[in-house]
Amino acid sequence: MTHPAPHDHDVVVLGGGSGGYATALRARQLGLSVALVEQDKLGGTCLHQGCIPTKALLHAAEVADAARDSSAFGVRATFEGIDMPAVNAYRTGVVDRLYRGLQGLIRSAEIDVVTGTGRLVGPRSVAVGDTVVTGRNLVVATGSYARTLPGVEIGGRVVTSDGALALTEVPRRVVVVGGSVIGVELASVWRSFGAEVTIVEALPRLVPAEDATLSAQLERAFRKRGIAFRTGTSITDVKQDETTAFVTLESGDVLEADLVLVAVGRGPRTDSLGLTDHGITVERGFVVTDERLRTSVEGVYAVGDVVPGLQLAHRGFAHGLFVAEEIAGRSPRPVLDAGIPRVTYCEPEIASVGLTEEQARTTYGDDAITTYEYNLAGNGKTQILRSAGLVKVVRENDGPIVGVHMIGARIGEQVGEASLWVNWDAFPEDVAAYVHAHPTQNEALGEAALALAGSPLHAHA
């Protein structure tokens, strides 16, 4: 509902994405009155333009690969192609069902939803049109937008991830500018759908934020799938005519494509909010907070993508729960990026939590770290899936596990246990004592722990 006059609340949340609606729901559970300001649809980028729709496309891509390769499993099937309108209908159906469920949760929680674009008119007051919503506390949760590159005009055959979800047919040739999470996920989708795909990444390797071992494994898998990539090079120009886009690399090479995806990360959506006008510190567009997500103004917090660090929906969600409990006086434990699991849903999937080997050696010293890699070739479930990959565990010598890094089909489902290891400072000896079900990929985690504990079963220590 909207309010024709100022309305006081315990908490005003600016933004209805993962971080914003989590804040609102938890605050209401704790007995606080809440107003939620959202200019578009509840659920934000994750539900409508990000996590959910892209993962629906990735599942459709997995089905396409299964149909195409069915004879390898003794199943006679024919792959006739991709019906993009039907794929889009499937994707939209998933999003719509989740959206209706979220609307029901917000409605049943009796959260006052104010629809429109909000701007601060005071440290804890937000104007939405003629309505001013005030609160004892304000939570900035306005999320992020798809970045582009200087001089690259978005439109026509050049799109960001937002435009990639609006395609009505599969492009024949695609150039993906950016080899991090969004870039490799959509590259994976389009290759499964039958497109020729080339990724251009300025840094020396794909998924450069991940452990170097996973990057090498992904590059090997992408070569096998026929996904081309150019790393350690930047683009200098993107042009297009009625039929073709032309991407010029710094080497002078020109790549021709039917579609160019610019996937160079996401920027914080804080422009025009009036934050700095009311004393809230902003740097490079990000809202500066302490570890308790407090800004420079008392009673004002920030959560999710507007806070420097990992830009993940589940981080924003965790931030929202934390801030609601902080406002309610429960003194919750801070949310630390080092303990947040990360999953990239390309084929093969990548999942990780904690420190990479390089980060661990920088933190503890070269001689204070031990790593172990368990090759999934020895895992029964991986053989059943006709996949490949590995699990890499990083531990402090005579100390706990500080990082887990995995690559393989559906391996993202295993990151929950890995997250518990890292966040509970588990020792390999502790983990090795637990029984892991057979045949599952989860066994690979148990095998790696056994090896680090000095008792390898199917591999050498």
Protein backbone atom coordinates (compact mmCIF):
# COMPACT_ATOMS: atom_id res chain seq x y z
CA MET A 1 0.00 0.00 0.00
CA THR A 2 1.07 3.62 -0.33
CA HIS A 3 0.62 6.43 2.17
CA PRO A 4 -0.60 9.93 1.24
CA ALA A 5 1.27 11.49 4.19
CA PRO A 6 4.45 10.87 6.24
CA HIS A 7 4.37 7.56 8.04
CA ASP A 8 6.67 6.49 10.88
CA HIS A 9 8.23 3.02 11.07
CA ASP A 10 10.92 1.29 13.07
CA VAL A 11 12.69 0.39 9.81
CA VAL A 12 12.54 1.87 6.33
CA VAL A 13 14.14 -0.34 3.68
CA LEU A 14 15.13 1.27 0.40
CA GLY A 15 15.12 -1.52 -2.20
CA GLY A 16 13.18 -4.79 -2.42
CA GLY A 17 15.82 -7.21 -3.70
CA SER A 18 17.41 -10.09 -1.78
CA GLY A 19 18.97 -7.88 0.89
CA GLY A 20 15.99 -5.56 1.19
CA TYR A 21 13.20 -8.09 1.49
CA ALA A 22 15.27 -10.24 3.87
CA THR A 23 15.71 -7.21 6.12
CA ALA A 24 12.01 -6.45 5.98
CA LEU A 25 10.79 -9.99 6.68
CA ARG A 26 13.20 -10.61 9.57
CA ALA A 27 12.47 -7.22 11.10
CA ARG A 28 8.74 -7.99 11.07
CA GLN A 29 9.41 -11.39 12.68
CA LEU A 30 11.17 -9.50 15.46
CA GLY A 31 8.17 -7.26 16.00
CA LEU A 32 9.38 -4.13 14.23
CA SER A 33 7.21 -2.02 11.93
CA VAL A 34 8.60 -1.89 8.40
CA ALA A 35 8.17 0.13 5.21
CA LEU A 36 9.72 -1.27 2.03
CA VAL A 37 10.31 1.10 -0.89
CA GLU A 38 10.73 -0.54 -4.31
CA GLN A 39 10.63 1.13 -7.72
CA ASP A 40 10.05 -2.05 -9.70
CA LYS A 41 9.19 -5.63 -8.72
CA LEU A 42 9.93 -7.22 -5.37
CA GLY A 43 12.80 -9.68 -5.65
CA GLY A 44 15.16 -7.34 -7.46
CA THR A 45 17.85 -8.34 -9.93
CA CYS A 46 18.35 -11.85 -8.56
CA LEU A 47 14.76 -12.93 -9.12
CA HIS A 48 13.99 -11.04 -12.31
CA GLN A 49 17.23 -10.45 -14.26
CA GLY A 50 19.93 -12.49 -12.52
CA CYS A 51 20.23 -15.65 -10.46
CA ILE A 52 16.89 -17.32 -11.13
CA PRO A 53 16.33 -16.64 -14.86
CA THR A 54 19.95 -17.39 -15.79
CA LYS A 55 19.91 -20.66 -13.84
CA ALA A 56 16.69 -21.62 -15.59
CA LEU A 57 18.50 -21.06 -18.90
CA LEU A 58 21.43 -23.13 -17.65
CA HIS A 59 19.08 -26.00 -16.79
CA ALA A 60 17.55 -25.81 -20.26
CA ALA A 61 21.11 -25.94 -21.61
CA GLU A 62 21.80 -29.06 -19.52
CA VAL A 63 18.68 -30.70 -20.97
CA ALA A 64 19.85 -29.80 -24.48
CA ASP A 65 23.24 -31.39 -23.85
CA ALA A 66 21.59 -34.50 -22.40
CA ALA A 67 19.37 -34.87 -25.46
CA ARG A 68 22.27 -34.28 -27.84
CA ASP A 69 24.48 -36.84 -26.06
CA SER A 70 21.78 -39.33 -25.09
CA SER A 71 23.25 -42.18 -27.16
CA ALA A 72 26.25 -42.27 -24.80
CA PHE A 73 23.83 -43.53 -22.14
CA GLY A 74 22.07 -46.00 -24.41
CA VAL A 75 19.06 -43.74 -24.84
CA ARG A 76 17.77 -43.14 -28.36
CA ALA A 77 16.68 -39.52 -28.61
CA THR A 78 16.80 -36.84 -31.27
CA PHE A 79 17.93 -33.29 -30.65
CA GLU A 80 15.98 -31.06 -33.04
CA GLY A 81 17.09 -27.65 -31.78
CA ILE A 82 16.19 -24.86 -29.38
CA ASP A 83 12.74 -23.25 -29.29
CA MET A 84 13.65 -19.94 -27.64
CA PRO A 85 10.05 -18.75 -27.11
CA ALA A 86 9.36 -22.01 -25.26
CA VAL A 87 12.61 -21.71 -23.28
CA ASN A 88 11.65 -18.16 -22.34
CA ALA A 89 8.18 -19.30 -21.30
CA TYR A 90 9.72 -21.95 -19.02
CA ARG A 91 12.10 -19.36 -17.53
CA THR A 92 9.30 -16.83 -17.02
CA GLY A 93 7.12 -19.46 -15.37
CA VAL A 94 9.81 -20.19 -12.79
CA VAL A 95 10.29 -16.50 -12.04
CA ASP A 96 6.55 -15.80 -11.85
CA ARG A 97 5.90 -18.60 -9.36
CA LEU A 98 8.68 -17.40 -7.08
CA TYR A 99 7.52 -13.79 -7.45
CA ARG A 100 3.96 -14.66 -6.43
CA GLY A 101 5.31 -16.54 -3.43
CA LEU A 102 7.43 -13.56 -2.37
CA GLN A 103 4.49 -11.18 -2.77
CA GLY A 104 2.46 -13.46 -0.51
CA LEU A 105 5.18 -13.51 2.15
CA ILE A 106 5.47 -9.72 2.16
CA ARG A 107 1.70 -9.31 2.27
CA SER A 108 1.20 -11.80 5.11
CA ALA A 109 3.99 -10.13 7.11
CA GLU A 110 2.04 -6.85 6.97
CA ILE A 111 4.95 -4.90 5.53
CA ASP A 112 4.00 -1.49 4.13
CA VAL A 113 5.16 -1.56 0.50
CA VAL A 114 5.64 1.84 -1.11
CA THR A 115 5.96 1.59 -4.88
CA GLY A 116 8.11 4.14 -6.66
CA THR A 117 11.60 5.62 -6.79
CA GLY A 118 12.87 6.74 -3.43
CA ARG A 119 15.27 9.55 -2.60
CA LEU A 120 16.52 10.66 0.79
CA VAL A 121 15.11 13.95 2.06
CA GLY A 122 16.59 13.42 5.50
CA PRO A 123 19.03 10.96 7.13
CA ARG A 124 16.19 8.49 7.73
CA SER A 125 13.44 9.91 5.53
CA VAL A 126 12.66 8.78 1.98
CA ALA A 127 10.48 10.67 -0.48
CA VAL A 128 8.54 8.59 -3.01
CA GLY A 129 6.62 11.01 -5.17
CA ASP A 130 4.47 13.03 -2.77
CA THR A 131 4.85 10.47 0.00
CA VAL A 132 7.56 10.78 2.65
CA VAL A 133 8.35 7.63 4.63
CA THR A 134 10.31 8.03 7.85
CA GLY A 135 11.81 5.57 10.28
CA ARG A 136 14.01 5.20 13.32
CA ASN A 137 16.36 3.25 11.06
CA LEU A 138 17.07 3.28 7.34
CA VAL A 139 18.52 0.38 5.37
CA VAL A 140 19.96 1.09 1.90
CA ALA A 141 19.48 -2.03 -0.25
CA THR A 142 19.26 -0.67 -3.79
CA GLY A 143 21.38 -3.38 -5.44
CA SER A 144 23.43 -3.09 -8.60
CA TYR A 145 23.31 -2.60 -12.36
CA ALA A 146 25.15 -4.20 -15.27
CA ARG A 147 28.32 -2.24 -16.01
CA THR A 148 29.53 -1.50 -19.50
CA LEU A 149 32.84 -0.24 -20.92
CA PRO A 150 33.79 3.32 -21.87
CA GLY A 151 32.94 3.98 -25.49
CA VAL A 152 30.83 0.82 -25.86
CA GLU A 153 27.23 1.67 -26.66
CA ILE A 154 24.63 -0.84 -25.51
CA GLY A 155 21.90 -1.50 -28.03
CA GLY A 156 21.16 -3.53 -31.12
CA ARG A 157 23.61 -6.43 -31.27
CA VAL A 158 25.49 -5.30 -28.16
CA VAL A 159 23.82 -6.25 -24.87
CA THR A 160 24.44 -6.66 -21.16
CA SER A 161 23.09 -9.60 -19.18
CA ASP A 162 19.72 -7.81 -19.02
CA GLY A 163 19.42 -7.85 -22.81
CA ALA A 164 20.71 -11.42 -23.00
CA LEU A 165 17.54 -12.60 -21.26
CA ALA A 166 15.33 -10.98 -23.90
CA LEU A 167 16.61 -12.98 -26.91
CA THR A 168 13.97 -14.68 -29.04
CA GLU A 169 16.41 -16.77 -31.07
CA VAL A 170 19.81 -18.35 -30.58
CA PRO A 171 22.60 -16.23 -32.12
CA ARG A 172 24.94 -18.09 -34.47
CA ARG A 173 28.13 -16.37 -33.25
CA VAL A 174 28.63 -14.72 -29.86
CA VAL A 175 31.50 -12.73 -28.40
CA VAL A 176 31.42 -12.46 -24.61
CA VAL A 177 33.44 -9.57 -23.21
CA GLY A 178 34.38 -10.66 -19.69
CA GLY A 179 35.31 -14.11 -18.42
CA SER A 180 34.04 -13.96 -14.86
CA VAL A 181 30.84 -15.45 -13.47
CA ILE A 182 28.20 -13.87 -15.72
CA GLY A 183 30.35 -14.22 -18.84
CA VAL A 184 31.17 -17.92 -18.45
CA GLU A 185 27.62 -18.82 -17.42
CA LEU A 186 26.00 -17.28 -20.49
CA ALA A 187 28.82 -18.53 -22.72
CA SER A 188 28.02 -22.01 -21.41
CA VAL A 189 24.31 -21.58 -22.17
CA TRP A 190 24.83 -20.38 -25.72
CA ARG A 191 27.33 -23.11 -26.53
CA SER A 192 24.86 -25.75 -25.31
CA PHE A 193 22.21 -24.08 -27.47
CA GLY A 194 24.48 -24.45 -30.53
CA ALA A 195 26.19 -21.07 -30.89
CA GLU A 196 29.85 -20.45 -31.66
CA VAL A 197 31.21 -18.65 -28.61
CA THR A 198 34.40 -16.67 -27.95
CA ILE A 199 35.18 -15.13 -24.56
CA VAL A 200 37.55 -12.14 -24.25
CA GLU A 201 39.02 -11.61 -20.77
CA ALA A 202 41.49 -8.84 -19.91
CA LEU A 203 43.05 -10.77 -17.02
CA PRO A 204 45.34 -13.76 -17.61
CA ARG A 205 42.72 -16.46 -16.96
CA LEU A 206 39.01 -17.20 -16.90
CA VAL A 207 37.19 -16.79 -13.56
CA PRO A 208 40.20 -14.85 -12.25
CA ALA A 209 38.76 -14.48 -8.73
CA GLU A 210 38.81 -18.25 -8.24
CA ASP A 211 41.72 -20.51 -7.33
CA ALA A 212 44.10 -20.81 -10.30
CA THR A 213 43.62 -24.60 -10.34
CA LEU A 214 39.90 -24.16 -11.05
CA SER A 215 40.64 -21.64 -13.80
CA ALA A 216 42.93 -24.14 -15.52
CA GLN A 217 40.32 -26.90 -15.20
CA LEU A 218 37.56 -24.70 -16.59
CA GLU A 219 39.68 -23.59 -19.54
CA ARG A 220 40.43 -27.25 -20.34
CA ALA A 221 36.73 -28.13 -20.15
CA PHE A 222 35.72 -25.16 -22.30
CA ARG A 223 38.26 -26.09 -24.97
CA LYS A 224 36.78 -29.59 -25.03
CA ARG A 225 33.29 -28.10 -25.42
CA GLY A 226 34.43 -25.89 -28.27
CA ILE A 227 34.20 -22.59 -26.38
CA ALA A 228 37.03 -20.32 -27.55
CA PHE A 229 38.60 -17.72 -25.30
CA ARG A 230 41.21 -15.00 -25.50
CA THR A 231 42.71 -14.14 -22.11
CA GLY A 232 45.16 -11.40 -21.18
CA THR A 233 43.76 -9.08 -23.82
CA SER A 234 41.32 -6.18 -23.87
CA ILE A 235 38.94 -4.83 -26.46
CA THR A 236 39.54 -1.42 -28.01
CA ASP A 237 36.36 -0.97 -30.03
CA VAL A 238 32.92 -2.44 -30.70
CA LYS A 239 31.00 -1.49 -33.82
CA GLN A 240 27.97 -2.92 -35.54
CA ASP A 241 25.95 -2.70 -38.70
CA GLU A 242 22.58 -4.18 -39.59
CA THR A 243 23.87 -7.77 -39.71
CA THR A 244 27.12 -8.03 -37.74
CA ALA A 245 28.98 -6.74 -34.69
CA PHE A 246 32.75 -6.21 -34.86
CA VAL A 247 34.93 -6.48 -31.75
CA THR A 248 38.47 -5.13 -32.10
CA LEU A 249 41.10 -6.46 -29.69
CA GLU A 250 44.18 -4.58 -28.54
CA SER A 251 46.22 -6.92 -30.77
CA GLY A 252 44.35 -5.52 -33.76
CA ASP A 253 42.40 -8.74 -34.36
CA VAL A 254 38.73 -8.26 -35.18
CA LEU A 255 36.10 -10.76 -34.05
CA GLU A 256 32.80 -10.85 -35.92
CA ALA A 257 29.61 -11.83 -34.14
CA ASP A 258 25.85 -11.79 -34.35
CA LEU A 259 25.73 -10.78 -30.68
CA VAL A 260 28.17 -9.19 -28.23
CA LEU A 261 27.58 -9.65 -24.51
CA VAL A 262 29.31 -7.11 -22.28
CA ALA A 263 29.77 -8.91 -18.95
CA VAL A 264 32.30 -6.81 -17.06
CA GLY A 265 30.70 -6.88 -13.63
CA ARG A 266 28.06 -4.92 -11.78
CA GLY A 267 28.12 -1.45 -10.26
CA PRO A 268 26.34 -0.23 -7.11
CA ARG A 269 23.01 1.46 -7.74
CA THR A 270 23.41 4.54 -5.54
CA ASP A 271 23.27 7.48 -7.95
CA SER A 272 20.44 9.96 -7.37
CA LEU A 273 19.57 8.58 -3.93
CA GLY A 274 20.79 11.70 -2.15
CA LEU A 275 23.03 9.73 0.20
CA THR A 276 25.95 12.15 0.37
CA ASP A 277 23.57 15.10 0.78
CA HIS A 278 22.74 13.70 4.20
CA GLY A 279 26.23 12.76 5.38
CA ILE A 280 26.38 9.13 4.23
CA THR A 281 29.88 8.32 2.97
CA VAL A 282 30.03 6.90 -0.56
CA GLU A 283 33.23 5.84 -2.37
CA ARG A 284 33.22 4.87 -6.06
CA GLY A 285 29.47 4.49 -5.77
CA PHE A 286 29.65 2.01 -2.87
CA VAL A 287 28.25 2.83 0.56
CA VAL A 288 31.02 2.67 3.16
CA THR A 289 30.14 0.61 6.25
CA ASP A 290 31.86 -1.01 9.19
CA GLU A 291 31.67 -4.77 9.80
CA ARG A 292 28.28 -4.27 11.45
CA LEU A 293 27.02 -2.66 8.22
CA ARG A 294 26.61 0.74 9.89
CA THR A 295 27.22 3.78 7.70
CA SER A 296 28.69 7.12 8.74
CA VAL A 297 25.23 8.26 9.89
CA GLU A 298 23.69 6.83 13.05
CA GLY A 299 20.68 4.62 12.35
CA VAL A 300 21.54 4.16 8.67
CA TYR A 301 22.74 0.78 7.40
CA ALA A 302 23.58 -0.68 3.99
CA VAL A 303 23.31 -4.27 2.72
CA GLY A 304 24.05 -6.31 -0.39
CA ASP A 305 25.63 -5.13 -3.62
CA VAL A 306 25.94 -1.50 -2.51
CA VAL A 307 28.46 -2.60 0.14
CA PRO A 308 32.00 -3.28 -1.20
CA GLY A 309 32.76 -7.00 -1.49
CA LEU A 310 31.21 -10.07 -3.03
CA GLN A 311 28.13 -9.28 -5.11
CA LEU A 312 26.02 -12.34 -4.40
CA ALA A 313 22.32 -12.66 -3.65
CA HIS A 314 22.92 -14.87 -0.63
CA ARG A 315 25.39 -12.33 0.77
CA GLY A 316 22.71 -9.65 0.50
CA PHE A 317 20.18 -11.98 2.11
CA ALA A 318 22.57 -12.70 5.01
CA HIS A 319 23.27 -8.97 5.34
CA GLY A 320 19.53 -8.32 5.60
CA LEU A 321 19.02 -10.86 8.37
CA PHE A 322 22.03 -9.45 10.22
CA VAL A 323 20.87 -5.82 10.06
CA ALA A 324 17.34 -6.66 11.18
CA GLU A 325 18.71 -8.47 14.21
CA GLU A 326 21.21 -5.69 14.86
CA ILE A 327 18.43 -3.10 14.89
CA ALA A 328 16.41 -5.34 17.22
CA GLY A 329 19.32 -5.41 19.67
CA ARG A 330 20.25 -9.07 19.25
CA SER A 331 23.99 -8.44 18.61
CA PRO A 332 24.32 -10.97 15.75
CA ARG A 333 27.62 -12.29 14.45
CA PRO A 334 28.95 -10.19 11.50
CA VAL A 335 28.76 -11.60 7.98
CA LEU A 336 32.31 -12.02 6.65
CA ASP A 337 32.97 -12.40 2.92
CA ALA A 338 35.67 -15.03 3.54
CA GLY A 339 33.05 -17.45 4.82
CA ILE A 340 30.49 -16.95 2.03
CA PRO A 341 30.22 -19.80 -0.51
CA ARG A 342 30.50 -18.94 -4.21
CA VAL A 343 29.08 -20.93 -7.14
CA THR A 344 29.46 -20.39 -10.88
CA TYR A 345 26.78 -22.38 -12.71
CA CYS A 346 28.47 -23.00 -16.05
CA GLU A 347 29.18 -26.53 -17.28
CA PRO A 348 31.19 -27.74 -15.46
CA GLU A 349 30.13 -25.92 -12.31
CA ILE A 350 32.58 -24.18 -9.99
CA ALA A 351 32.07 -23.91 -6.24
CA SER A 352 34.34 -22.51 -3.57
CA VAL A 353 34.52 -21.08 -0.09
CA GLY A 354 37.32 -19.55 1.92
CA LEU A 355 40.85 -18.68 0.81
CA THR A 356 42.43 -19.66 -2.49
CA GLU A 357 45.87 -21.26 -2.30
CA GLU A 358 47.48 -17.96 -3.27
CA GLN A 359 45.51 -16.04 -0.65
CA ALA A 360 46.33 -18.62 2.01
CA ARG A 361 50.06 -18.47 1.25
CA THR A 362 49.93 -14.67 1.44
CA THR A 363 48.06 -14.84 4.76
CA TYR A 364 49.95 -17.63 6.51
CA GLY A 365 53.23 -17.95 4.57
CA ASP A 366 54.39 -20.37 1.87
CA ASP A 367 55.61 -22.98 4.34
CA ALA A 368 52.51 -22.85 6.53
CA ILE A 369 50.01 -24.21 3.99
CA THR A 370 49.19 -27.69 2.70
CA THR A 371 46.91 -28.39 -0.24
CA TYR A 372 45.38 -31.57 -1.57
CA GLU A 373 43.59 -32.21 -4.85
CA TYR A 374 41.21 -35.15 -5.26
CA ASN A 375 40.55 -35.92 -8.91
CA LEU A 376 36.89 -36.71 -9.54
CA ALA A 377 37.92 -39.42 -12.01
CA GLY A 378 37.94 -41.69 -8.98
CA ASN A 379 34.43 -40.73 -7.90
CA GLY A 380 31.63 -43.11 -8.84
CA LYS A 381 28.87 -40.52 -9.21
CA THR A 382 31.08 -38.36 -11.45
CA GLN A 383 31.70 -41.37 -13.68
CA ILE A 384 27.95 -41.99 -13.85
CA LEU A 385 27.46 -38.37 -14.93
CA ARG A 386 30.30 -38.75 -17.46
CA SER A 387 31.90 -35.66 -16.02
CA ALA A 388 35.34 -34.70 -14.72
CA GLY A 389 36.81 -32.27 -12.23
CA LEU A 390 38.44 -32.08 -8.84
CA VAL A 391 38.14 -31.04 -5.23
CA LYS A 392 40.99 -28.94 -3.81
CA VAL A 393 41.33 -28.39 -0.08
CA VAL A 394 43.63 -25.81 1.50
CA ARG A 395 44.62 -26.13 5.16
CA GLU A 396 46.90 -24.37 7.57
CA ASN A 397 49.64 -26.78 8.63
CA ASP A 398 48.52 -28.57 11.80
CA GLY A 399 45.50 -26.29 11.69
CA PRO A 400 42.03 -25.98 10.21
CA ILE A 401 40.78 -26.09 6.63
CA VAL A 402 40.80 -22.52 5.27
CA GLY A 403 39.59 -23.05 1.69
CA VAL A 404 37.70 -25.57 -0.46
CA HIS A 405 37.59 -25.28 -4.27
CA MET A 406 35.64 -27.61 -6.57
CA ILE A 407 34.81 -28.06 -10.23
CA GLY A 408 32.56 -30.66 -11.84
CA ALA A 409 29.01 -31.36 -13.00
CA ARG A 410 26.48 -30.20 -10.39
CA ILE A 411 29.31 -29.67 -7.89
CA GLY A 412 27.65 -26.53 -6.55
CA GLU A 413 25.36 -28.78 -4.51
CA GLN A 414 28.39 -29.80 -2.41
CA VAL A 415 29.40 -26.32 -1.31
CA GLY A 416 27.20 -26.45 1.79
CA GLU A 417 29.41 -28.96 3.56
CA ALA A 418 32.52 -27.14 2.40
CA SER A 419 31.10 -23.95 3.90
CA LEU A 420 30.64 -25.64 7.25
CA TRP A 421 34.26 -26.85 7.20
CA VAL A 422 35.64 -23.37 6.64
CA ASN A 423 33.29 -21.44 8.89
CA TRP A 424 33.62 -23.85 11.80
CA ASP A 425 37.43 -24.03 11.48
CA ALA A 426 37.23 -27.79 10.96
CA PHE A 427 40.38 -29.92 11.00
CA PRO A 428 40.72 -32.63 8.32
CA GLU A 429 40.85 -35.23 11.10
CA ASP A 430 37.46 -34.06 12.34
CA VAL A 431 35.83 -34.19 8.92
CA ALA A 432 37.37 -37.53 7.97
CA ALA A 433 35.56 -39.16 10.88
CA TYR A 434 32.17 -38.54 9.26
CA VAL A 435 30.63 -41.02 6.83
CA HIS A 436 29.85 -39.69 3.35
CA ALA A 437 27.13 -41.48 1.37
CA HIS A 438 28.06 -43.67 -1.61
CA PRO A 439 27.82 -43.10 -4.51
CA THR A 440 27.72 -39.32 -4.32
CA GLN A 441 30.03 -36.52 -5.32
CA ASN A 442 29.96 -35.63 -1.65
CA GLU A 443 32.31 -38.58 -1.14
CA ALA A 444 35.02 -36.57 -2.87
CA LEU A 445 35.02 -34.15 0.06
CA GLY A 446 35.43 -37.05 2.46
CA GLU A 447 38.27 -38.51 0.39
CA ALA A 448 40.10 -35.18 0.33
CA ALA A 449 39.73 -34.84 4.11
CA LEU A 450 41.03 -38.39 4.61
CA ALA A 451 44.09 -37.62 2.52
CA LEU A 452 44.84 -34.39 4.38
CA ALA A 453 44.43 -36.30 7.65
CA GLY A 454 47.11 -38.72 6.47
CA SER A 455 44.80 -41.62 5.65
CA PRO A 456 44.18 -41.57 1.90
CA LEU A 457 41.86 -44.34 0.73
CA HIS A 458 41.72 -44.09 -3.07
CA ALA A 459 44.65 -41.76 -3.63
CA HIS A 460 48.18 -41.07 -2.49
CA ALA A 461 48.80 -38.56 0.27
